[in-house]
């Protein structure tokens, strides 16, 4: 009988020529375990997904309770399902007034796609603006908003897409105009390698979108639910979006995404034609139950309030001369070295030592660190010690 690793290579469609090939037997807290018992410290949270770690007790209890009630019963938006309703209401309570209409989907890419359709439908305009080195998903429409390196092989992409430079006041003034339906932007650029702009930039962006009647869409798929030290990253800048995108950590380890806006904006998807956006499994009741339990836990404990302090503590432990720059916002961290050729041996050695890290799509010379928000002091010290060892041994 073939091993799971052999079956993986034979039957699962590849995403890269060299997958990590670590077989996962189980996961708990900040660790996952291979069949031989080897333990790995997860320092990327499944790419900003497991904000409370793996299999949090409150999340497991909510999943089990929902399993005893019902699973999928109907496509999204037709039947009143308590997990969907309660999650949407809980999210609205934590958002600025007006952001109270929640469309639940399966993923971040679908949230982006839905928001693109929403912007065109609501404004009647053809143009959507995103930033260079942005990442909003890998489906055809979402990819059209992304960075050139990942979209160039899939042309022709959607028409009417324009790209601006992140943080450029000049581009705000010159590129956003009366044909702009929406501006999509990450409060902290994730795949660019933890890049963020000053509050004045986002305030100017908010003002310009208001002036020309364009929707301002904040993609908090990576940053949402506490990763940057606030519940929502846009809180750092003193502005609110017209549309908010959520996914990744929203589902607490289960597939779930959402785009959220004002009721008068969202209603346009329900008529002329009806079913302006359709999703069969969006807002799956088990995913929503898990999401609500996690949100309640995050709000109750305010674990995100420690993210900045933990992030700063961790970055101060890294002194190796190969690290040229450290960029950090809460528990989003990029350790920048000279090149991917320099970085890859460090990542490989860290994995051998039992620490899972990663790099960024548009910044492959930087190590990605994004541990669960509830990482303990002991686990921070363990991660720092092992990563420093990986750097040291990779250059010895």
Protein backbone atom coordinates (compact mmCIF):
# COMPACT_ATOMS: atom_id res chain seq x y z
CA UNK A 1 0.00 0.00 0.00
CA UNK A 2 1.35 3.40 -0.96
CA UNK A 3 2.13 5.87 1.81
CA UNK A 4 0.19 9.11 2.23
CA UNK A 5 3.22 10.99 0.98
CA UNK A 6 3.34 8.90 -2.21
CA UNK A 7 -0.40 9.33 -2.73
CA UNK A 8 -0.03 13.07 -2.18
CA UNK A 9 2.46 13.28 -5.03
CA UNK A 10 0.41 10.98 -7.27
CA UNK A 11 -3.11 12.34 -6.83
CA UNK A 12 -3.12 15.86 -5.41
CA UNK A 13 -2.72 18.59 -8.01
CA UNK A 14 0.56 20.42 -7.38
CA UNK A 15 0.93 24.07 -6.44
CA UNK A 16 4.74 24.15 -6.61
CA UNK A 17 7.60 21.92 -7.76
CA UNK A 18 8.76 21.38 -4.17
CA UNK A 19 6.02 21.13 -1.51
CA UNK A 20 7.06 20.89 2.13
CA UNK A 21 5.90 17.26 2.34
CA UNK A 22 5.44 17.24 6.13
CA UNK A 23 2.63 14.83 6.93
CA UNK A 24 0.27 16.11 9.63
CA UNK A 25 -1.09 13.58 12.10
CA UNK A 26 -2.78 16.04 14.47
CA UNK A 27 -2.66 19.65 15.65
CA UNK A 28 -3.21 21.30 19.01
CA UNK A 29 -2.62 24.87 20.17
CA UNK A 30 0.44 26.29 18.45
CA UNK A 31 1.80 22.91 17.35
CA UNK A 32 1.15 20.23 14.79
CA UNK A 33 2.57 16.74 14.88
CA UNK A 34 3.89 14.29 12.28
CA UNK A 35 3.04 10.56 12.43
CA UNK A 36 6.45 9.84 14.00
CA UNK A 37 5.60 12.22 16.85
CA UNK A 38 7.84 15.09 15.75
CA UNK A 39 6.42 18.42 16.88
CA UNK A 40 6.35 21.59 14.78
CA UNK A 41 5.77 25.09 16.11
CA UNK A 42 3.39 26.85 13.73
CA UNK A 43 4.75 30.37 13.31
CA UNK A 44 2.49 31.30 10.37
CA UNK A 45 -0.96 30.19 11.62
CA UNK A 46 -1.80 28.52 8.32
CA UNK A 47 -1.11 31.93 6.69
CA UNK A 48 -2.94 34.15 9.19
CA UNK A 49 -5.81 31.69 9.72
CA UNK A 50 -5.44 30.16 13.19
CA UNK A 51 -5.55 33.32 15.28
CA UNK A 52 -6.34 31.29 18.41
CA UNK A 53 -4.19 28.33 17.43
CA UNK A 54 -5.34 24.91 16.35
CA UNK A 55 -8.49 23.30 17.77
CA UNK A 56 -9.32 25.91 20.37
CA UNK A 57 -11.74 24.34 22.92
CA UNK A 58 -14.44 26.99 22.46
CA UNK A 59 -14.33 26.51 18.69
CA UNK A 60 -14.48 22.72 18.97
CA UNK A 61 -17.47 22.91 21.30
CA UNK A 62 -19.34 25.18 18.89
CA UNK A 63 -18.58 22.89 15.95
CA UNK A 64 -19.80 19.83 17.84
CA UNK A 65 -22.99 21.58 18.93
CA UNK A 66 -23.78 22.58 15.35
CA UNK A 67 -23.00 19.10 14.03
CA UNK A 68 -25.82 17.84 16.22
CA UNK A 69 -28.27 20.32 14.63
CA UNK A 70 -27.75 20.52 10.86
CA UNK A 71 -25.15 20.92 8.12
CA UNK A 72 -25.90 22.40 4.69
CA UNK A 73 -29.62 22.80 4.07
CA UNK A 74 -29.94 25.42 1.31
CA UNK A 75 -27.92 27.88 -0.74
CA UNK A 76 -26.97 31.05 1.08
CA UNK A 77 -29.61 33.71 1.58
CA UNK A 78 -32.91 31.79 1.48
CA UNK A 79 -33.44 30.09 4.86
CA UNK A 80 -32.98 31.64 8.31
CA UNK A 81 -30.04 29.80 9.85
CA UNK A 82 -29.10 30.76 13.38
CA UNK A 83 -25.30 30.46 13.00
CA UNK A 84 -25.33 32.85 10.02
CA UNK A 85 -27.65 35.35 11.66
CA UNK A 86 -25.82 35.40 14.99
CA UNK A 87 -22.39 35.73 13.36
CA UNK A 88 -23.52 38.59 11.11
CA UNK A 89 -25.05 40.42 14.06
CA UNK A 90 -21.91 39.89 16.16
CA UNK A 91 -19.67 41.24 13.41
CA UNK A 92 -21.90 44.29 12.95
CA UNK A 93 -21.61 45.06 16.68
CA UNK A 94 -17.82 45.28 16.32
CA UNK A 95 -17.79 47.45 13.18
CA UNK A 96 -18.41 51.16 12.55
CA UNK A 97 -22.02 52.21 12.32
CA UNK A 98 -23.41 51.38 8.90
CA UNK A 99 -21.22 48.36 8.18
CA UNK A 100 -24.06 46.08 9.13
CA UNK A 101 -24.99 44.04 6.05
CA UNK A 102 -22.90 40.87 5.80
CA UNK A 103 -22.69 38.61 2.76
CA UNK A 104 -21.14 35.28 3.82
CA UNK A 105 -19.07 33.38 1.27
CA UNK A 106 -16.50 30.55 1.18
CA UNK A 107 -13.16 32.31 0.91
CA UNK A 108 -11.23 35.54 0.58
CA UNK A 109 -11.12 35.29 -3.19
CA UNK A 110 -14.90 34.99 -3.33
CA UNK A 111 -15.25 37.95 -0.97
CA UNK A 112 -13.13 39.96 -3.40
CA UNK A 113 -15.15 38.79 -6.39
CA UNK A 114 -18.41 39.66 -4.66
CA UNK A 115 -17.15 43.09 -3.69
CA UNK A 116 -15.99 43.80 -7.25
CA UNK A 117 -19.44 42.96 -8.55
CA UNK A 118 -21.02 45.03 -5.79
CA UNK A 119 -18.93 48.10 -6.63
CA UNK A 120 -19.74 47.98 -10.33
CA UNK A 121 -23.42 47.33 -9.71
CA UNK A 122 -23.83 50.04 -7.07
CA UNK A 123 -21.89 52.81 -8.81
CA UNK A 124 -22.57 51.90 -12.43
CA UNK A 125 -18.90 52.59 -13.15
CA UNK A 126 -16.42 50.40 -15.05
CA UNK A 127 -13.09 51.03 -13.31
CA UNK A 128 -11.60 49.33 -10.27
CA UNK A 129 -8.31 50.42 -8.74
CA UNK A 130 -5.90 48.29 -6.72
CA UNK A 131 -2.27 48.63 -5.66
CA UNK A 132 0.91 47.27 -7.13
CA UNK A 133 2.01 44.15 -5.21
CA UNK A 134 -1.50 43.70 -3.84
CA UNK A 135 -2.93 40.27 -3.19
CA UNK A 136 -6.70 39.80 -3.08
CA UNK A 137 -7.02 36.16 -4.20
CA UNK A 138 -6.24 33.85 -7.11
CA UNK A 139 -9.50 33.59 -9.03
CA UNK A 140 -9.58 35.36 -12.38
CA UNK A 141 -11.19 38.57 -11.14
CA UNK A 142 -9.28 38.79 -7.88
CA UNK A 143 -6.05 38.00 -9.71
CA UNK A 144 -6.71 40.97 -12.00
CA UNK A 145 -6.27 43.19 -8.93
CA UNK A 146 -3.03 41.54 -7.85
CA UNK A 147 0.63 42.09 -8.48
CA UNK A 148 2.08 41.65 -11.96
CA UNK A 149 4.29 38.69 -11.11
CA UNK A 150 1.33 36.41 -10.47
CA UNK A 151 -1.13 37.70 -13.05
CA UNK A 152 1.05 37.97 -16.14
CA UNK A 153 0.69 34.29 -17.11
CA UNK A 154 -3.12 34.43 -17.15
CA UNK A 155 -3.93 37.23 -19.52
CA UNK A 156 -6.32 38.43 -20.76
CA UNK A 157 -7.60 39.45 -17.34
CA UNK A 158 -10.55 41.67 -16.47
CA UNK A 159 -10.66 45.02 -18.29
CA UNK A 160 -11.01 48.28 -16.45
CA UNK A 161 -8.40 47.53 -13.77
CA UNK A 162 -5.90 50.22 -12.83
CA UNK A 163 -2.99 49.94 -10.39
CA UNK A 164 -1.58 52.65 -8.13
CA UNK A 165 1.47 52.77 -5.89
CA UNK A 166 0.75 51.92 -2.27
CA UNK A 167 1.33 54.98 -0.08
CA UNK A 168 1.52 57.46 -2.98
CA UNK A 169 -0.45 60.67 -2.34
CA UNK A 170 0.20 61.66 -5.95
CA UNK A 171 -1.55 58.56 -7.28
CA UNK A 172 -4.57 59.24 -5.07
CA UNK A 173 -5.02 62.66 -6.60
CA UNK A 174 -4.26 61.69 -10.21
CA UNK A 175 -5.69 58.20 -10.66
CA UNK A 176 -8.93 58.06 -8.65
CA UNK A 177 -11.69 59.82 -10.55
CA UNK A 178 -15.30 59.86 -11.75
CA UNK A 179 -14.99 56.51 -13.54
CA UNK A 180 -13.70 54.74 -10.43
CA UNK A 181 -16.18 52.27 -8.95
CA UNK A 182 -13.94 51.23 -6.07
CA UNK A 183 -10.44 51.26 -4.66
CA UNK A 184 -9.31 47.95 -3.15
CA UNK A 185 -6.51 48.22 -0.62
CA UNK A 186 -4.95 46.27 2.24
CA UNK A 187 -4.47 48.27 5.46
CA UNK A 188 -1.21 46.33 5.71
CA UNK A 189 0.05 44.74 2.51
CA UNK A 190 0.57 41.09 3.31
CA UNK A 191 2.22 39.47 0.30
CA UNK A 192 4.36 42.55 -0.31
CA UNK A 193 6.06 41.67 2.98
CA UNK A 194 4.27 43.61 5.76
CA UNK A 195 4.17 47.04 4.15
CA UNK A 196 1.95 49.81 5.51
CA UNK A 197 1.42 53.52 5.00
CA UNK A 198 0.93 56.43 7.39
CA UNK A 199 -2.51 57.40 8.73
CA UNK A 200 -2.49 60.57 6.61
CA UNK A 201 -2.34 58.44 3.46
CA UNK A 202 -5.44 56.46 4.37
CA UNK A 203 -7.25 59.63 5.43
CA UNK A 204 -6.44 61.20 2.05
CA UNK A 205 -7.59 58.02 0.31
CA UNK A 206 -10.85 58.09 2.25
CA UNK A 207 -11.42 61.74 1.39
CA UNK A 208 -10.73 61.23 -2.32
CA UNK A 209 -13.06 58.24 -2.60
CA UNK A 210 -15.80 60.24 -0.90
CA UNK A 211 -15.24 63.21 -3.21
CA UNK A 212 -15.57 61.20 -6.41
CA UNK A 213 -18.22 58.76 -5.19
CA UNK A 214 -16.02 55.64 -5.31
CA UNK A 215 -16.31 52.87 -2.76
CA UNK A 216 -13.30 52.35 -0.49
CA UNK A 217 -12.76 48.62 0.01
CA UNK A 218 -10.45 47.46 2.80
CA UNK A 219 -9.14 43.93 2.39
CA UNK A 220 -8.66 42.64 5.94
CA UNK A 221 -8.46 39.02 4.89
CA UNK A 222 -5.01 38.71 6.50
CA UNK A 223 -5.16 41.58 8.99
CA UNK A 224 -8.65 41.17 10.46
CA UNK A 225 -9.62 39.86 13.89
CA UNK A 226 -6.66 41.20 15.79
CA UNK A 227 -3.54 40.33 13.84
CA UNK A 228 -2.15 43.89 13.84
CA UNK A 229 -2.93 44.73 17.47
CA UNK A 230 -6.41 46.14 16.84
CA UNK A 231 -9.49 44.10 16.09
CA UNK A 232 -9.50 45.69 12.62
CA UNK A 233 -6.33 47.10 11.07
CA UNK A 234 -8.20 50.15 9.71
CA UNK A 235 -8.57 51.32 13.33
CA UNK A 236 -4.90 52.30 13.25
CA UNK A 237 -5.69 55.00 10.68
CA UNK A 238 -8.87 56.63 11.94
CA UNK A 239 -10.89 55.86 8.80
CA UNK A 240 -13.59 53.36 7.92
CA UNK A 241 -14.22 51.62 4.59
CA UNK A 242 -17.39 51.39 2.55
CA UNK A 243 -16.79 47.68 2.10
CA UNK A 244 -14.81 45.30 4.30
CA UNK A 245 -13.41 41.95 3.16
CA UNK A 246 -12.82 39.14 5.66
CA UNK A 247 -11.74 35.50 5.39
CA UNK A 248 -8.76 33.43 6.57
CA UNK A 249 -9.02 33.77 10.38
CA UNK A 250 -12.75 34.49 10.21
CA UNK A 251 -13.64 30.79 10.03
CA UNK A 252 -11.42 29.74 12.95
CA UNK A 253 -9.92 26.97 10.81
CA UNK A 254 -12.97 26.30 8.63
CA UNK A 255 -13.69 27.79 5.17
CA UNK A 256 -15.48 31.14 5.50
CA UNK A 257 -15.30 34.62 4.02
CA UNK A 258 -17.45 37.73 3.98
CA UNK A 259 -17.88 41.09 2.34
CA UNK A 260 -19.64 43.69 4.45
CA UNK A 261 -21.14 47.06 3.59
CA UNK A 262 -24.08 49.37 4.24
CA UNK A 263 -27.55 47.91 3.69
CA UNK A 264 -28.38 50.44 0.96
CA UNK A 265 -25.27 49.36 -0.94
CA UNK A 266 -25.75 45.62 -0.49
CA UNK A 267 -29.40 45.63 -1.54
CA UNK A 268 -28.43 46.23 -5.17
CA UNK A 269 -27.29 42.60 -5.46
CA UNK A 270 -30.81 41.39 -4.67
CA UNK A 271 -32.66 42.88 -7.63
CA UNK A 272 -32.46 43.67 -11.35
CA UNK A 273 -31.41 40.89 -11.56
CA UNK A 274 -32.21 38.92 -8.44
CA UNK A 275 -29.43 36.66 -7.18
CA UNK A 276 -26.77 39.17 -8.17
CA UNK A 277 -24.28 37.02 -6.29
CA UNK A 278 -24.89 33.34 -5.58
CA UNK A 279 -23.00 30.91 -3.37
CA UNK A 280 -24.02 27.38 -2.50
CA UNK A 281 -21.83 26.77 0.53
CA UNK A 282 -21.11 30.35 1.59
CA UNK A 283 -21.86 30.84 5.27
CA UNK A 284 -21.89 27.12 5.99
CA UNK A 285 -23.55 26.72 9.39
CA UNK A 286 -20.64 24.80 10.93
CA UNK A 287 -18.15 27.42 9.74
CA UNK A 288 -20.36 30.20 11.10
CA UNK A 289 -20.71 28.48 14.47
CA UNK A 290 -16.93 28.16 14.70
CA UNK A 291 -16.46 31.78 13.64
CA UNK A 292 -18.89 33.08 16.24
CA UNK A 293 -17.23 31.11 19.03
CA UNK A 294 -13.83 32.44 18.03
CA UNK A 295 -15.07 36.02 17.72
CA UNK A 296 -16.65 35.82 21.16
CA UNK A 297 -13.39 34.48 22.60
CA UNK A 298 -11.29 37.18 20.92
CA UNK A 299 -13.59 39.95 22.14
CA UNK A 300 -13.87 38.52 25.65
CA UNK A 301 -10.12 38.03 26.15
CA UNK A 302 -8.98 40.96 23.98
CA UNK A 303 -6.01 38.77 23.06
CA UNK A 304 -5.27 41.12 20.17
CA UNK A 305 -4.28 43.87 22.62
CA UNK A 306 -1.03 41.96 23.25
CA UNK A 307 -0.17 41.44 19.59
CA UNK A 308 1.99 44.54 19.22
CA UNK A 309 3.93 43.89 22.41
CA UNK A 310 4.49 40.24 21.45
CA UNK A 311 5.53 41.21 17.94
CA UNK A 312 8.03 43.75 19.23
CA UNK A 313 9.42 41.29 21.77
CA UNK A 314 9.93 38.64 19.11
CA UNK A 315 11.62 40.95 16.62
CA UNK A 316 14.06 42.17 19.27
CA UNK A 317 15.42 38.63 19.61
CA UNK A 318 16.79 38.56 16.06
CA UNK A 319 20.33 39.90 15.75
CA UNK A 320 21.88 37.89 12.93
CA UNK A 321 23.79 40.09 10.44
CA UNK A 322 22.05 38.42 7.48
CA UNK A 323 18.81 40.13 8.54
CA UNK A 324 18.87 43.46 6.75
CA UNK A 325 15.48 44.79 7.83
CA UNK A 326 12.58 43.83 10.07
CA UNK A 327 9.05 45.02 9.25
CA UNK A 328 6.38 44.43 11.84
CA UNK A 329 2.79 45.36 12.62
CA UNK A 330 1.40 43.44 15.56
CA UNK A 331 2.03 39.76 14.84
CA UNK A 332 2.66 40.31 11.14
CA UNK A 333 6.43 40.16 10.76
CA UNK A 334 8.88 40.13 7.84
CA UNK A 335 12.56 39.33 8.36
CA UNK A 336 14.25 40.64 5.22
CA UNK A 337 17.52 39.17 3.93
CA UNK A 338 19.45 39.66 0.70
CA UNK A 339 17.62 37.20 -1.53
CA UNK A 340 15.50 34.07 -1.69
CA UNK A 341 18.68 32.08 -2.24
CA UNK A 342 19.86 33.29 1.15
CA UNK A 343 16.49 32.81 2.84
CA UNK A 344 15.49 29.33 1.61
CA UNK A 345 18.20 27.41 3.51
CA UNK A 346 17.16 29.20 6.71
CA UNK A 347 13.51 28.26 6.22
CA UNK A 348 14.50 24.67 5.46
CA UNK A 349 16.74 24.44 8.52
CA UNK A 350 14.02 25.96 10.71
CA UNK A 351 11.63 23.27 9.52
CA UNK A 352 14.20 20.58 10.37
CA UNK A 353 14.41 22.11 13.84
CA UNK A 354 10.63 22.02 14.18
CA UNK A 355 9.51 25.55 13.25
CA UNK A 356 7.21 26.27 10.30
CA UNK A 357 7.79 29.64 8.59
CA UNK A 358 7.22 30.93 5.07
CA UNK A 359 8.03 33.74 2.66
CA UNK A 360 5.84 36.25 0.80
CA UNK A 361 4.55 36.06 -2.77
CA UNK A 362 5.99 39.44 -3.77
CA UNK A 363 8.82 39.51 -1.26
CA UNK A 364 10.54 36.15 -1.37
CA UNK A 365 13.65 37.51 0.33
CA UNK A 366 11.71 37.93 3.62
CA UNK A 367 10.74 35.30 6.17
CA UNK A 368 7.06 35.44 7.13
CA UNK A 369 6.16 35.15 10.81
CA UNK A 370 2.50 35.33 11.85
CA UNK A 371 1.97 33.12 14.90
CA UNK A 372 -1.37 32.70 16.67
CA UNK A 373 -2.30 35.72 18.77
CA UNK A 374 -2.35 33.64 21.96
CA UNK A 375 1.27 32.56 21.62
CA UNK A 376 2.78 32.37 25.10
CA UNK A 377 6.02 33.85 26.40
CA UNK A 378 7.52 30.36 26.50
CA UNK A 379 6.54 29.75 22.88
CA UNK A 380 7.90 33.13 21.79
CA UNK A 381 11.22 32.26 23.41
CA UNK A 382 11.21 28.80 21.82
CA UNK A 383 10.57 30.27 18.39
CA UNK A 384 13.27 32.90 18.78
CA UNK A 385 15.84 30.36 19.98
CA UNK A 386 15.16 27.90 17.14
CA UNK A 387 15.00 30.56 14.43
CA UNK A 388 18.23 32.13 15.62
CA UNK A 389 19.76 28.65 15.54
CA UNK A 390 18.50 28.19 11.96
CA UNK A 391 20.07 31.48 10.90
CA UNK A 392 23.34 30.67 12.65
CA UNK A 393 23.65 27.16 11.22
CA UNK A 394 22.68 28.25 7.71
CA UNK A 395 25.64 30.64 7.60
CA UNK A 396 28.26 28.59 9.45
